[in-house]
Full PDB file with SEQRES, HELIX, SHEET, SSBOND, CRYST1, ORIGX, SCALE, CONECT and MASTER records, all heavy atoms in Angstrom:
SEQRES   1 A   44  GLN LYS PRO ALA GLY ALA ARG PRO ALA PHE GLN THR SER          
SEQRES   2 A   44  LEU LYS GLY ARG ALA LEU ARG LEU LEU GLY GLN ARG GLU          
SEQRES   3 A   44  HIS THR ARG LEU GLU LEU GLU ARG LYS LEU ALA ARG TYR          
SEQRES   4 A   44  GLU GLU GLU PRO GLY                                          
HELIX    1 AA1 LEU A   14  GLN A   24  1                                  11    
HELIX    2 AA2 ARG A   29  LEU A   36  1                                   8    
HELIX    3 AA3 ALA A   37  TYR A   39  5                                   3    
CRYST1    1.000    1.000    1.000  90.00  90.00  90.00 P 1           1          
ORIGX1      1.000000  0.000000  0.000000        0.00000                         
ORIGX2      0.000000  1.000000  0.000000        0.00000                         
ORIGX3      0.000000  0.000000  1.000000        0.00000                         
SCALE1      1.000000  0.000000  0.000000        0.00000                         
SCALE2      0.000000  1.000000  0.000000        0.00000                         
SCALE3      0.000000  0.000000  1.000000        0.00000                         
ATOM      1  N   GLN A   1     288.297 278.406  42.689  1.00  0.00           N  
ATOM      2  CA  GLN A   1     287.716 277.671  41.572  1.00  0.00           C  
ATOM      3  C   GLN A   1     288.357 276.295  41.436  1.00  0.00           C  
ATOM      4  O   GLN A   1     289.566 276.238  41.588  1.00  0.00           O  
ATOM      5  CB  GLN A   1     287.944 278.490  40.252  1.00  0.00           C  
ATOM      6  CG  GLN A   1     287.303 279.797  40.187  1.00  0.00           C  
ATOM      7  CD  GLN A   1     285.773 279.631  40.123  1.00  0.00           C  
ATOM      8  OE1 GLN A   1     285.298 278.737  39.446  1.00  0.00           O  
ATOM      9  NE2 GLN A   1     284.940 280.524  40.824  1.00  0.00           N  
ATOM     10  N   LYS A   2     287.474 275.325  41.117  1.00  0.00           N  
ATOM     11  CA  LYS A   2     288.034 273.963  40.904  1.00  0.00           C  
ATOM     12  C   LYS A   2     288.391 273.891  39.422  1.00  0.00           C  
ATOM     13  O   LYS A   2     287.725 274.319  38.587  1.00  0.00           O  
ATOM     14  CB  LYS A   2     286.952 272.913  41.216  1.00  0.00           C  
ATOM     15  CG  LYS A   2     286.580 272.865  42.708  1.00  0.00           C  
ATOM     16  CD  LYS A   2     285.519 271.719  42.901  1.00  0.00           C  
ATOM     17  CE  LYS A   2     285.210 271.685  44.331  1.00  0.00           C  
ATOM     18  NZ  LYS A   2     284.190 270.621  44.574  1.00  0.00           N  
ATOM     19  N   PRO A   3     289.564 273.271  39.162  1.00  0.00           N  
ATOM     20  CA  PRO A   3     289.918 273.061  37.731  1.00  0.00           C  
ATOM     21  C   PRO A   3     288.942 272.152  37.081  1.00  0.00           C  
ATOM     22  O   PRO A   3     288.308 271.291  37.659  1.00  0.00           O  
ATOM     23  CB  PRO A   3     291.341 272.356  37.865  1.00  0.00           C  
ATOM     24  CG  PRO A   3     291.607 272.059  39.258  1.00  0.00           C  
ATOM     25  CD  PRO A   3     290.552 272.758  40.133  1.00  0.00           C  
ATOM     26  N   ALA A   4     288.827 272.330  35.801  1.00  0.00           N  
ATOM     27  CA  ALA A   4     287.916 271.510  34.970  1.00  0.00           C  
ATOM     28  C   ALA A   4     288.327 270.068  35.093  1.00  0.00           C  
ATOM     29  O   ALA A   4     289.431 269.647  35.119  1.00  0.00           O  
ATOM     30  CB  ALA A   4     287.936 271.965  33.545  1.00  0.00           C  
ATOM     31  N   GLY A   5     287.297 269.180  35.320  1.00  0.00           N  
ATOM     32  CA  GLY A   5     287.552 267.741  35.424  1.00  0.00           C  
ATOM     33  C   GLY A   5     288.006 267.300  36.810  1.00  0.00           C  
ATOM     34  O   GLY A   5     288.445 266.183  36.974  1.00  0.00           O  
ATOM     35  N   ALA A   6     287.990 268.181  37.779  1.00  0.00           N  
ATOM     36  CA  ALA A   6     288.481 267.749  39.059  1.00  0.00           C  
ATOM     37  C   ALA A   6     287.425 266.847  39.762  1.00  0.00           C  
ATOM     38  O   ALA A   6     286.211 266.987  39.503  1.00  0.00           O  
ATOM     39  CB  ALA A   6     288.636 269.027  39.960  1.00  0.00           C  
ATOM     40  N   ARG A   7     287.902 265.888  40.559  1.00  0.00           N  
ATOM     41  CA  ARG A   7     287.026 264.988  41.283  1.00  0.00           C  
ATOM     42  C   ARG A   7     286.324 265.701  42.471  1.00  0.00           C  
ATOM     43  O   ARG A   7     286.867 266.646  42.914  1.00  0.00           O  
ATOM     44  CB  ARG A   7     287.812 263.772  41.804  1.00  0.00           C  
ATOM     45  CG  ARG A   7     288.346 262.941  40.684  1.00  0.00           C  
ATOM     46  CD  ARG A   7     288.920 261.662  41.133  1.00  0.00           C  
ATOM     47  NE  ARG A   7     289.793 261.740  42.338  1.00  0.00           N  
ATOM     48  CZ  ARG A   7     290.427 260.728  42.808  1.00  0.00           C  
ATOM     49  NH1 ARG A   7     290.253 259.516  42.284  1.00  0.00           N  
ATOM     50  NH2 ARG A   7     291.142 260.777  43.900  1.00  0.00           N  
ATOM     51  N   PRO A   8     285.165 265.195  42.774  1.00  0.00           N  
ATOM     52  CA  PRO A   8     284.487 265.813  43.961  1.00  0.00           C  
ATOM     53  C   PRO A   8     285.387 265.599  45.214  1.00  0.00           C  
ATOM     54  O   PRO A   8     286.276 264.753  45.185  1.00  0.00           O  
ATOM     55  CB  PRO A   8     283.241 265.034  44.101  1.00  0.00           C  
ATOM     56  CG  PRO A   8     283.091 264.207  42.864  1.00  0.00           C  
ATOM     57  CD  PRO A   8     284.347 264.197  42.173  1.00  0.00           C  
ATOM     58  N   ALA A   9     285.113 266.406  46.230  1.00  0.00           N  
ATOM     59  CA  ALA A   9     285.922 266.375  47.416  1.00  0.00           C  
ATOM     60  C   ALA A   9     285.875 264.988  48.085  1.00  0.00           C  
ATOM     61  O   ALA A   9     286.843 264.480  48.659  1.00  0.00           O  
ATOM     62  CB  ALA A   9     285.471 267.421  48.442  1.00  0.00           C  
ATOM     63  N   PHE A  10     284.710 264.302  48.016  1.00  0.00           N  
ATOM     64  CA  PHE A  10     284.591 262.982  48.561  1.00  0.00           C  
ATOM     65  C   PHE A  10     284.109 262.002  47.494  1.00  0.00           C  
ATOM     66  O   PHE A  10     283.171 262.189  46.847  1.00  0.00           O  
ATOM     67  CB  PHE A  10     283.587 262.929  49.733  1.00  0.00           C  
ATOM     68  CG  PHE A  10     283.339 261.626  50.322  1.00  0.00           C  
ATOM     69  CD1 PHE A  10     284.264 261.049  51.106  1.00  0.00           C  
ATOM     70  CD2 PHE A  10     282.150 260.889  49.976  1.00  0.00           C  
ATOM     71  CE1 PHE A  10     284.006 259.754  51.617  1.00  0.00           C  
ATOM     72  CE2 PHE A  10     281.980 259.623  50.491  1.00  0.00           C  
ATOM     73  CZ  PHE A  10     282.886 259.077  51.286  1.00  0.00           C  
ATOM     74  N   GLN A  11     284.911 260.928  47.341  1.00  0.00           N  
ATOM     75  CA  GLN A  11     284.511 259.911  46.403  1.00  0.00           C  
ATOM     76  C   GLN A  11     284.732 258.536  47.083  1.00  0.00           C  
ATOM     77  O   GLN A  11     285.834 258.276  47.667  1.00  0.00           O  
ATOM     78  CB  GLN A  11     285.439 259.960  45.149  1.00  0.00           C  
ATOM     79  CG  GLN A  11     285.026 258.961  44.120  1.00  0.00           C  
ATOM     80  CD  GLN A  11     285.824 259.105  42.813  1.00  0.00           C  
ATOM     81  OE1 GLN A  11     286.789 259.880  42.771  1.00  0.00           O  
ATOM     82  NE2 GLN A  11     285.468 258.426  41.858  1.00  0.00           N  
ATOM     83  N   THR A  12     283.727 257.721  47.041  1.00  0.00           N  
ATOM     84  CA  THR A  12     283.706 256.380  47.728  1.00  0.00           C  
ATOM     85  C   THR A  12     284.768 255.509  46.991  1.00  0.00           C  
ATOM     86  O   THR A  12     284.758 255.441  45.767  1.00  0.00           O  
ATOM     87  CB  THR A  12     282.413 255.749  47.693  1.00  0.00           C  
ATOM     88  OG1 THR A  12     281.405 256.680  48.256  1.00  0.00           O  
ATOM     89  CG2 THR A  12     282.446 254.471  48.445  1.00  0.00           C  
ATOM     90  N   SER A  13     285.637 254.848  47.756  1.00  0.00           N  
ATOM     91  CA  SER A  13     286.602 253.985  47.220  1.00  0.00           C  
ATOM     92  C   SER A  13     285.997 252.722  46.623  1.00  0.00           C  
ATOM     93  O   SER A  13     284.827 252.403  47.027  1.00  0.00           O  
ATOM     94  CB  SER A  13     287.681 253.588  48.244  1.00  0.00           C  
ATOM     95  OG  SER A  13     287.103 252.790  49.229  1.00  0.00           O  
ATOM     96  N   LEU A  14     286.675 252.084  45.797  1.00  0.00           N  
ATOM     97  CA  LEU A  14     286.213 250.779  45.316  1.00  0.00           C  
ATOM     98  C   LEU A  14     285.926 249.783  46.407  1.00  0.00           C  
ATOM     99  O   LEU A  14     284.960 249.130  46.427  1.00  0.00           O  
ATOM    100  CB  LEU A  14     287.220 250.141  44.329  1.00  0.00           C  
ATOM    101  CG  LEU A  14     287.300 250.839  42.978  1.00  0.00           C  
ATOM    102  CD1 LEU A  14     288.501 250.195  42.218  1.00  0.00           C  
ATOM    103  CD2 LEU A  14     286.038 250.697  42.166  1.00  0.00           C  
ATOM    104  N   LYS A  15     286.825 249.758  47.399  1.00  0.00           N  
ATOM    105  CA  LYS A  15     286.620 248.849  48.556  1.00  0.00           C  
ATOM    106  C   LYS A  15     285.354 249.248  49.311  1.00  0.00           C  
ATOM    107  O   LYS A  15     284.607 248.435  49.710  1.00  0.00           O  
ATOM    108  CB  LYS A  15     287.838 248.841  49.446  1.00  0.00           C  
ATOM    109  CG  LYS A  15     287.833 247.675  50.423  1.00  0.00           C  
ATOM    110  CD  LYS A  15     289.042 247.627  51.364  1.00  0.00           C  
ATOM    111  CE  LYS A  15     290.263 248.354  50.942  1.00  0.00           C  
ATOM    112  NZ  LYS A  15     291.318 248.250  51.991  1.00  0.00           N  
ATOM    113  N   GLY A  16     285.209 250.541  49.454  1.00  0.00           N  
ATOM    114  CA  GLY A  16     284.000 251.039  50.225  1.00  0.00           C  
ATOM    115  C   GLY A  16     282.725 250.668  49.406  1.00  0.00           C  
ATOM    116  O   GLY A  16     281.698 250.298  50.111  1.00  0.00           O  
ATOM    117  N   ARG A  17     282.688 250.811  48.136  1.00  0.00           N  
ATOM    118  CA  ARG A  17     281.530 250.441  47.384  1.00  0.00           C  
ATOM    119  C   ARG A  17     281.312 248.893  47.466  1.00  0.00           C  
ATOM    120  O   ARG A  17     280.113 248.468  47.568  1.00  0.00           O  
ATOM    121  CB  ARG A  17     281.728 250.813  45.874  1.00  0.00           C  
ATOM    122  CG  ARG A  17     281.684 252.283  45.606  1.00  0.00           C  
ATOM    123  CD  ARG A  17     281.950 252.585  44.157  1.00  0.00           C  
ATOM    124  NE  ARG A  17     282.188 253.964  43.880  1.00  0.00           N  
ATOM    125  CZ  ARG A  17     281.242 254.830  43.687  1.00  0.00           C  
ATOM    126  NH1 ARG A  17     279.985 254.480  43.681  1.00  0.00           N  
ATOM    127  NH2 ARG A  17     281.479 256.044  43.444  1.00  0.00           N  
ATOM    128  N   ALA A  18     282.295 248.119  47.406  1.00  0.00           N  
ATOM    129  CA  ALA A  18     282.209 246.731  47.536  1.00  0.00           C  
ATOM    130  C   ALA A  18     281.653 246.311  48.888  1.00  0.00           C  
ATOM    131  O   ALA A  18     280.780 245.447  48.987  1.00  0.00           O  
ATOM    132  CB  ALA A  18     283.580 245.995  47.275  1.00  0.00           C  
ATOM    133  N   LEU A  19     282.146 246.952  49.908  1.00  0.00           N  
ATOM    134  CA  LEU A  19     281.671 246.631  51.248  1.00  0.00           C  
ATOM    135  C   LEU A  19     280.162 247.052  51.381  1.00  0.00           C  
ATOM    136  O   LEU A  19     279.361 246.301  52.080  1.00  0.00           O  
ATOM    137  CB  LEU A  19     282.484 247.314  52.334  1.00  0.00           C  
ATOM    138  CG  LEU A  19     283.815 246.751  52.567  1.00  0.00           C  
ATOM    139  CD1 LEU A  19     284.648 247.670  53.476  1.00  0.00           C  
ATOM    140  CD2 LEU A  19     283.653 245.393  53.277  1.00  0.00           C  
ATOM    141  N   ARG A  20     279.784 248.071  50.781  1.00  0.00           N  
ATOM    142  CA  ARG A  20     278.406 248.568  50.818  1.00  0.00           C  
ATOM    143  C   ARG A  20     277.482 247.454  50.132  1.00  0.00           C  
ATOM    144  O   ARG A  20     276.449 247.044  50.667  1.00  0.00           O  
ATOM    145  CB  ARG A  20     278.148 249.841  50.143  1.00  0.00           C  
ATOM    146  CG  ARG A  20     276.689 250.312  50.330  1.00  0.00           C  
ATOM    147  CD  ARG A  20     276.451 251.669  49.824  1.00  0.00           C  
ATOM    148  NE  ARG A  20     277.473 252.687  49.989  1.00  0.00           N  
ATOM    149  CZ  ARG A  20     277.984 253.412  49.036  1.00  0.00           C  
ATOM    150  NH1 ARG A  20     277.593 253.290  47.830  1.00  0.00           N  
ATOM    151  NH2 ARG A  20     278.902 254.294  49.311  1.00  0.00           N  
ATOM    152  N   LEU A  21     277.925 246.950  48.977  1.00  0.00           N  
ATOM    153  CA  LEU A  21     277.234 245.937  48.283  1.00  0.00           C  
ATOM    154  C   LEU A  21     277.189 244.624  49.076  1.00  0.00           C  
ATOM    155  O   LEU A  21     276.178 243.952  49.181  1.00  0.00           O  
ATOM    156  CB  LEU A  21     277.809 245.632  46.927  1.00  0.00           C  
ATOM    157  CG  LEU A  21     277.584 246.795  45.923  1.00  0.00           C  
ATOM    158  CD1 LEU A  21     278.528 246.455  44.717  1.00  0.00           C  
ATOM    159  CD2 LEU A  21     276.199 246.904  45.489  1.00  0.00           C  
ATOM    160  N   LEU A  22     278.300 244.195  49.694  1.00  0.00           N  
ATOM    161  CA  LEU A  22     278.372 243.037  50.550  1.00  0.00           C  
ATOM    162  C   LEU A  22     277.507 243.160  51.846  1.00  0.00           C  
ATOM    163  O   LEU A  22     277.101 242.192  52.336  1.00  0.00           O  
ATOM    164  CB  LEU A  22     279.865 242.709  50.872  1.00  0.00           C  
ATOM    165  CG  LEU A  22     280.667 242.156  49.741  1.00  0.00           C  
ATOM    166  CD1 LEU A  22     282.116 242.202  50.097  1.00  0.00           C  
ATOM    167  CD2 LEU A  22     280.205 240.827  49.274  1.00  0.00           C  
ATOM    168  N   GLY A  23     277.281 244.374  52.270  1.00  0.00           N  
ATOM    169  CA  GLY A  23     276.483 244.603  53.403  1.00  0.00           C  
ATOM    170  C   GLY A  23     275.039 244.367  53.148  1.00  0.00           C  
ATOM    171  O   GLY A  23     274.172 244.083  54.007  1.00  0.00           O  
ATOM    172  N   GLN A  24     274.611 244.477  51.865  1.00  0.00           N  
ATOM    173  CA  GLN A  24     273.281 244.284  51.506  1.00  0.00           C  
ATOM    174  C   GLN A  24     272.943 242.795  51.326  1.00  0.00           C  
ATOM    175  O   GLN A  24     271.875 242.314  51.697  1.00  0.00           O  
ATOM    176  CB  GLN A  24     272.929 244.973  50.145  1.00  0.00           C  
ATOM    177  CG  GLN A  24     273.052 246.557  50.405  1.00  0.00           C  
ATOM    178  CD  GLN A  24     272.986 247.278  48.983  1.00  0.00           C  
ATOM    179  OE1 GLN A  24     272.961 246.666  47.957  1.00  0.00           O  
ATOM    180  NE2 GLN A  24     273.116 248.574  49.095  1.00  0.00           N  
ATOM    181  N   ARG A  25     273.842 242.045  50.648  1.00  0.00           N  
ATOM    182  CA  ARG A  25     273.751 240.617  50.513  1.00  0.00           C  
ATOM    183  C   ARG A  25     275.143 240.042  50.025  1.00  0.00           C  
ATOM    184  O   ARG A  25     276.031 240.862  49.585  1.00  0.00           O  
ATOM    185  CB  ARG A  25     272.665 240.259  49.477  1.00  0.00           C  
ATOM    186  CG  ARG A  25     273.009 240.546  48.049  1.00  0.00           C  
ATOM    187  CD  ARG A  25     272.044 239.880  47.060  1.00  0.00           C  
ATOM    188  NE  ARG A  25     272.250 240.271  45.747  1.00  0.00           N  
ATOM    189  CZ  ARG A  25     273.160 239.763  44.825  1.00  0.00           C  
ATOM    190  NH1 ARG A  25     274.016 238.753  45.315  1.00  0.00           N  
ATOM    191  NH2 ARG A  25     273.324 240.167  43.682  1.00  0.00           N  
ATOM    192  N   GLU A  26     275.249 238.778  50.103  1.00  0.00           N  
ATOM    193  CA  GLU A  26     276.512 238.142  49.624  1.00  0.00           C  
ATOM    194  C   GLU A  26     276.576 238.258  48.068  1.00  0.00           C  
ATOM    195  O   GLU A  26     275.609 238.112  47.378  1.00  0.00           O  
ATOM    196  CB  GLU A  26     276.537 236.664  50.015  1.00  0.00           C  
ATOM    197  CG  GLU A  26     276.574 236.400  51.482  1.00  0.00           C  
ATOM    198  CD  GLU A  26     277.956 236.840  52.131  1.00  0.00           C  
ATOM    199  OE1 GLU A  26     278.916 236.946  51.455  1.00  0.00           O  
ATOM    200  OE2 GLU A  26     277.835 237.005  53.364  1.00  0.00           O  
ATOM    201  N   HIS A  27     277.752 238.585  47.599  1.00  0.00           N  
ATOM    202  CA  HIS A  27     278.058 238.668  46.173  1.00  0.00           C  
ATOM    203  C   HIS A  27     279.260 237.773  45.859  1.00  0.00           C  
ATOM    204  O   HIS A  27     280.119 237.559  46.657  1.00  0.00           O  
ATOM    205  CB  HIS A  27     278.396 240.125  45.801  1.00  0.00           C  
ATOM    206  CG  HIS A  27     277.236 241.101  45.813  1.00  0.00           C  
ATOM    207  ND1 HIS A  27     276.676 241.526  46.975  1.00  0.00           N  
ATOM    208  CD2 HIS A  27     276.548 241.643  44.793  1.00  0.00           C  
ATOM    209  CE1 HIS A  27     275.697 242.353  46.604  1.00  0.00           C  
ATOM    210  NE2 HIS A  27     275.625 242.438  45.307  1.00  0.00           N  
ATOM    211  N   THR A  28     279.260 237.346  44.626  1.00  0.00           N  
ATOM    212  CA  THR A  28     280.426 236.596  44.149  1.00  0.00           C  
ATOM    213  C   THR A  28     281.396 237.673  43.660  1.00  0.00           C  
ATOM    214  O   THR A  28     281.076 238.841  43.396  1.00  0.00           O  
ATOM    215  CB  THR A  28     280.109 235.708  42.940  1.00  0.00           C  
ATOM    216  OG1 THR A  28     279.598 236.394  41.847  1.00  0.00           O  
ATOM    217  CG2 THR A  28     279.040 234.580  43.457  1.00  0.00           C  
ATOM    218  N   ARG A  29     282.660 237.229  43.463  1.00  0.00           N  
ATOM    219  CA  ARG A  29     283.651 238.127  42.925  1.00  0.00           C  
ATOM    220  C   ARG A  29     283.252 238.670  41.535  1.00  0.00           C  
ATOM    221  O   ARG A  29     283.412 239.835  41.261  1.00  0.00           O  
ATOM    222  CB  ARG A  29     285.005 237.376  42.885  1.00  0.00           C  
ATOM    223  CG  ARG A  29     286.177 238.255  42.474  1.00  0.00           C  
ATOM    224  CD  ARG A  29     287.451 237.483  42.410  1.00  0.00           C  
ATOM    225  NE  ARG A  29     288.520 238.458  42.077  1.00  0.00           N  
ATOM    226  CZ  ARG A  29     289.377 238.902  42.896  1.00  0.00           C  
ATOM    227  NH1 ARG A  29     289.386 238.602  44.201  1.00  0.00           N  
ATOM    228  NH2 ARG A  29     290.346 239.815  42.507  1.00  0.00           N  
ATOM    229  N   LEU A  30     282.793 237.765  40.671  1.00  0.00           N  
ATOM    230  CA  LEU A  30     282.399 238.232  39.419  1.00  0.00           C  
ATOM    231  C   LEU A  30     281.275 239.289  39.429  1.00  0.00           C  
ATOM    232  O   LEU A  30     281.317 240.265  38.636  1.00  0.00           O  
ATOM    233  CB  LEU A  30     281.933 237.009  38.519  1.00  0.00           C  
ATOM    234  CG  LEU A  30     281.466 237.330  37.084  1.00  0.00           C  
ATOM    235  CD1 LEU A  30     282.690 237.849  36.297  1.00  0.00           C  
ATOM    236  CD2 LEU A  30     281.014 236.044  36.457  1.00  0.00           C  
ATOM    237  N   GLU A  31     280.296 239.091  40.287  1.00  0.00           N  
ATOM    238  CA  GLU A  31     279.256 240.074  40.421  1.00  0.00           C  
ATOM    239  C   GLU A  31     279.879 241.464  40.822  1.00  0.00           C  
ATOM    240  O   GLU A  31     279.430 242.538  40.262  1.00  0.00           O  
ATOM    241  CB  GLU A  31     278.204 239.707  41.503  1.00  0.00           C  
ATOM    242  CG  GLU A  31     277.284 238.568  41.083  1.00  0.00           C  
ATOM    243  CD  GLU A  31     276.346 238.302  42.258  1.00  0.00           C  
ATOM    244  OE1 GLU A  31     276.804 237.843  43.317  1.00  0.00           O  
ATOM    245  OE2 GLU A  31     275.149 238.605  42.075  1.00  0.00           O  
ATOM    246  N   LEU A  32     280.751 241.451  41.778  1.00  0.00           N  
ATOM    247  CA  LEU A  32     281.349 242.703  42.195  1.00  0.00           C  
ATOM    248  C   LEU A  32     282.216 243.293  41.088  1.00  0.00           C  
ATOM    249  O   LEU A  32     282.201 244.594  40.909  1.00  0.00           O  
ATOM    250  CB  LEU A  32     282.188 242.523  43.454  1.00  0.00           C  
ATOM    251  CG  LEU A  32     281.392 242.215  44.732  1.00  0.00           C  
ATOM    252  CD1 LEU A  32     282.336 241.886  45.901  1.00  0.00           C  
ATOM    253  CD2 LEU A  32     280.451 243.328  45.073  1.00  0.00           C  
ATOM    254  N   GLU A  33     282.861 242.501  40.362  1.00  0.00           N  
ATOM    255  CA  GLU A  33     283.700 243.041  39.247  1.00  0.00           C  
ATOM    256  C   GLU A  33     282.801 243.673  38.205  1.00  0.00           C  
ATOM    257  O   GLU A  33     283.072 244.773  37.765  1.00  0.00           O  
ATOM    258  CB  GLU A  33     284.493 241.889  38.604  1.00  0.00           C  
ATOM    259  CG  GLU A  33     285.685 241.427  39.396  1.00  0.00           C  
ATOM    260  CD  GLU A  33     286.336 240.210  38.857  1.00  0.00           C  
ATOM    261  OE1 GLU A  33     285.886 239.571  37.854  1.00  0.00           O  
ATOM    262  OE2 GLU A  33     287.435 239.855  39.350  1.00  0.00           O  
ATOM    263  N   ARG A  34     281.666 243.091  37.876  1.00  0.00           N  
ATOM    264  CA  ARG A  34     280.732 243.670  36.952  1.00  0.00           C  
ATOM    265  C   ARG A  34     280.163 244.937  37.477  1.00  0.00           C  
ATOM    266  O   ARG A  34     279.995 245.906  36.710  1.00  0.00           O  
ATOM    267  CB  ARG A  34     279.558 242.660  36.660  1.00  0.00           C  
ATOM    268  CG  ARG A  34     280.008 241.500  35.832  1.00  0.00           C  
ATOM    269  CD  ARG A  34     278.904 240.481  35.688  1.00  0.00           C  
ATOM    270  NE  ARG A  34     279.292 239.323  34.886  1.00  0.00           N  
ATOM    271  CZ  ARG A  34     278.544 238.212  34.892  1.00  0.00           C  
ATOM    272  NH1 ARG A  34     277.438 238.057  35.678  1.00  0.00           N  
ATOM    273  NH2 ARG A  34     278.956 237.171  34.204  1.00  0.00           N  
ATOM    274  N   LYS A  35     279.798 244.994  38.706  1.00  0.00           N  
ATOM    275  CA  LYS A  35     279.091 246.174  39.271  1.00  0.00           C  
ATOM    276  C   LYS A  35     280.082 247.383  39.474  1.00  0.00           C  
ATOM    277  O   LYS A  35     279.641 248.508  39.400  1.00  0.00           O  
ATOM    278  CB  LYS A  35     278.414 245.826  40.579  1.00  0.00           C  
ATOM    279  CG  LYS A  35     277.225 244.937  40.381  1.00  0.00           C  
ATOM    280  CD  LYS A  35     276.550 244.672  41.739  1.00  0.00           C  
ATOM    281  CE  LYS A  35     275.239 243.833  41.523  1.00  0.00           C  
ATOM    282  NZ  LYS A  35     274.529 243.575  42.722  1.00  0.00           N  
ATOM    283  N   LEU A  36     281.322 247.014  39.779  1.00  0.00           N  
ATOM    284  CA  LEU A  36     282.254 248.083  40.147  1.00  0.00           C  
ATOM    285  C   LEU A  36     283.239 248.495  39.036  1.00  0.00           C  
ATOM    286  O   LEU A  36     284.009 249.459  39.224  1.00  0.00           O  
ATOM    287  CB  LEU A  36     283.015 247.685  41.412  1.00  0.00           C  
ATOM    288  CG  LEU A  36     282.228 247.421  42.651  1.00  0.00           C  
ATOM    289  CD1 LEU A  36     283.099 246.891  43.777  1.00  0.00           C  
ATOM    290  CD2 LEU A  36     281.514 248.692  43.088  1.00  0.00           C  
ATOM    291  N   ALA A  37     283.169 247.793  37.921  1.00  0.00           N  
ATOM    292  CA  ALA A  37     284.218 248.072  36.880  1.00  0.00           C  
ATOM    293  C   ALA A  37     284.122 249.492  36.433  1.00  0.00           C  
ATOM    294  O   ALA A  37     285.171 250.121  36.043  1.00  0.00           O  
ATOM    295  CB  ALA A  37     284.012 247.075  35.668  1.00  0.00           C  
ATOM    296  N   ARG A  38     282.978 250.107  36.331  1.00  0.00           N  
ATOM    297  CA  ARG A  38     282.902 251.414  35.759  1.00  0.00           C  
ATOM    298  C   ARG A  38     283.503 252.466  36.751  1.00  0.00           C  
ATOM    299  O   ARG A  38     283.732 253.584  36.369  1.00  0.00           O  
ATOM    300  CB  ARG A  38     281.396 251.729  35.498  1.00  0.00           C  
ATOM    301  CG  ARG A  38     280.532 251.831  36.706  1.00  0.00           C  
ATOM    302  CD  ARG A  38     279.100 252.046  36.354  1.00  0.00           C  
ATOM    303  NE  ARG A  38     278.254 252.016  37.500  1.00  0.00           N  
ATOM    304  CZ  ARG A  38     277.050 252.640  37.628  1.00  0.00           C  
ATOM    305  NH1 ARG A  38     276.670 253.409  36.607  1.00  0.00           N  
ATOM    306  NH2 ARG A  38     276.371 252.541  38.675  1.00  0.00           N  
ATOM    307  N   TYR A  39     283.676 252.112  38.028  1.00  0.00           N  
ATOM    308  CA  TYR A  39     284.287 253.013  38.959  1.00  0.00           C  
ATOM    309  C   TYR A  39     285.824 252.901  39.042  1.00  0.00           C  
ATOM    310  O   TYR A  39     286.444 253.727  39.767  1.00  0.00           O  
ATOM    311  CB  TYR A  39     283.692 252.804  40.367  1.00  0.00           C  
ATOM    312  CG  TYR A  39     282.196 253.013  40.401  1.00  0.00           C  
ATOM    313  CD1 TYR A  39     281.341 251.930  40.500  1.00  0.00           C  
ATOM    314  CD2 TYR A  39     281.714 254.274  40.250  1.00  0.00           C  
ATOM    315  CE1 TYR A  39     279.961 252.097  40.547  1.00  0.00           C  
ATOM    316  CE2 TYR A  39     280.274 254.447  40.295  1.00  0.00           C  
ATOM    317  CZ  TYR A  39     279.476 253.375  40.441  1.00  0.00           C  
ATOM    318  OH  TYR A  39     278.118 253.616  40.460  1.00  0.00           O  
ATOM    319  N   GLU A  40     286.355 251.900  38.374  1.00  0.00           N  
ATOM    320  CA  GLU A  40     287.802 251.703  38.447  1.00  0.00           C  
ATOM    321  C   GLU A  40     288.546 252.798  37.588  1.00  0.00           C  
ATOM    322  O   GLU A  40     288.269 252.818  36.385  1.00  0.00           O  
ATOM    323  CB  GLU A  40     288.159 250.320  37.920  1.00  0.00           C  
ATOM    324  CG  GLU A  40     289.604 249.973  38.041  1.00  0.00           C  
ATOM    325  CD  GLU A  40     289.884 248.497  37.576  1.00  0.00           C  
ATOM    326  OE1 GLU A  40     289.202 248.028  36.617  1.00  0.00           O  
ATOM    327  OE2 GLU A  40     290.863 247.917  38.162  1.00  0.00           O  
ATOM    328  N   GLU A  41     289.342 253.539  38.181  1.00  0.00           N  
ATOM    329  CA  GLU A  41     290.075 254.619  37.468  1.00  0.00           C  
ATOM    330  C   GLU A  41     291.416 254.154  36.967  1.00  0.00           C  
ATOM    331  O   GLU A  41     291.883 254.631  35.916  1.00  0.00           O  
ATOM    332  CB  GLU A  41     290.235 255.840  38.373  1.00  0.00           C  
ATOM    333  CG  GLU A  41     288.876 256.512  38.719  1.00  0.00           C  
ATOM    334  CD  GLU A  41     289.102 257.705  39.602  1.00  0.00           C  
ATOM    335  OE1 GLU A  41     290.202 258.053  39.971  1.00  0.00           O  
ATOM    336  OE2 GLU A  41     288.003 258.289  39.999  1.00  0.00           O  
ATOM    337  N   GLU A  42     292.022 253.310  37.715  1.00  0.00           N  
ATOM    338  CA  GLU A  42     293.390 252.827  37.348  1.00  0.00           C  
ATOM    339  C   GLU A  42     293.292 251.260  37.248  1.00  0.00           C  
ATOM    340  O   GLU A  42     292.847 250.573  38.157  1.00  0.00           O  
ATOM    341  CB  GLU A  42     294.387 253.175  38.489  1.00  0.00           C  
ATOM    342  CG  GLU A  42     295.785 252.859  38.111  1.00  0.00           C  
ATOM    343  CD  GLU A  42     296.675 253.329  39.283  1.00  0.00           C  
ATOM    344  OE1 GLU A  42     296.501 254.412  39.791  1.00  0.00           O  
ATOM    345  OE2 GLU A  42     297.616 252.499  39.611  1.00  0.00           O  
ATOM    346  N   PRO A  43     293.779 250.701  36.086  1.00  0.00           N  
ATOM    347  CA  PRO A  43     293.634 249.221  35.917  1.00  0.00           C  
ATOM    348  C   PRO A  43     294.374 248.513  37.019  1.00  0.00           C  
ATOM    349  O   PRO A  43     295.460 248.881  37.496  1.00  0.00           O  
ATOM    350  CB  PRO A  43     294.377 248.936  34.620  1.00  0.00           C  
ATOM    351  CG  PRO A  43     294.248 250.280  33.865  1.00  0.00           C  
ATOM    352  CD  PRO A  43     294.331 251.369  34.900  1.00  0.00           C  
ATOM    353  N   GLY A  44     293.678 247.484  37.569  1.00  0.00           N  
ATOM    354  CA  GLY A  44     294.196 246.625  38.606  1.00  0.00           C  
ATOM    355  C   GLY A  44     293.807 247.024  40.051  1.00  0.00           C  
ATOM    356  O   GLY A  44     293.940 246.216  40.920  1.00  0.00           O  
TER     357      GLY A  44                                                      
MASTER        0    0    0    3    0    0    0    6  356    1    0    4          
END                                                                             
């Protein structure tokens, strides 16, 4: 049994998500910050 609140076995990293977005088109830093902020678990 997985403990309550456990993360899935595979979770895309912030860098992986950013690379996926950059693979679709060029983004500015601000755009990536806006799009990826909700996935940041630890500040910084």
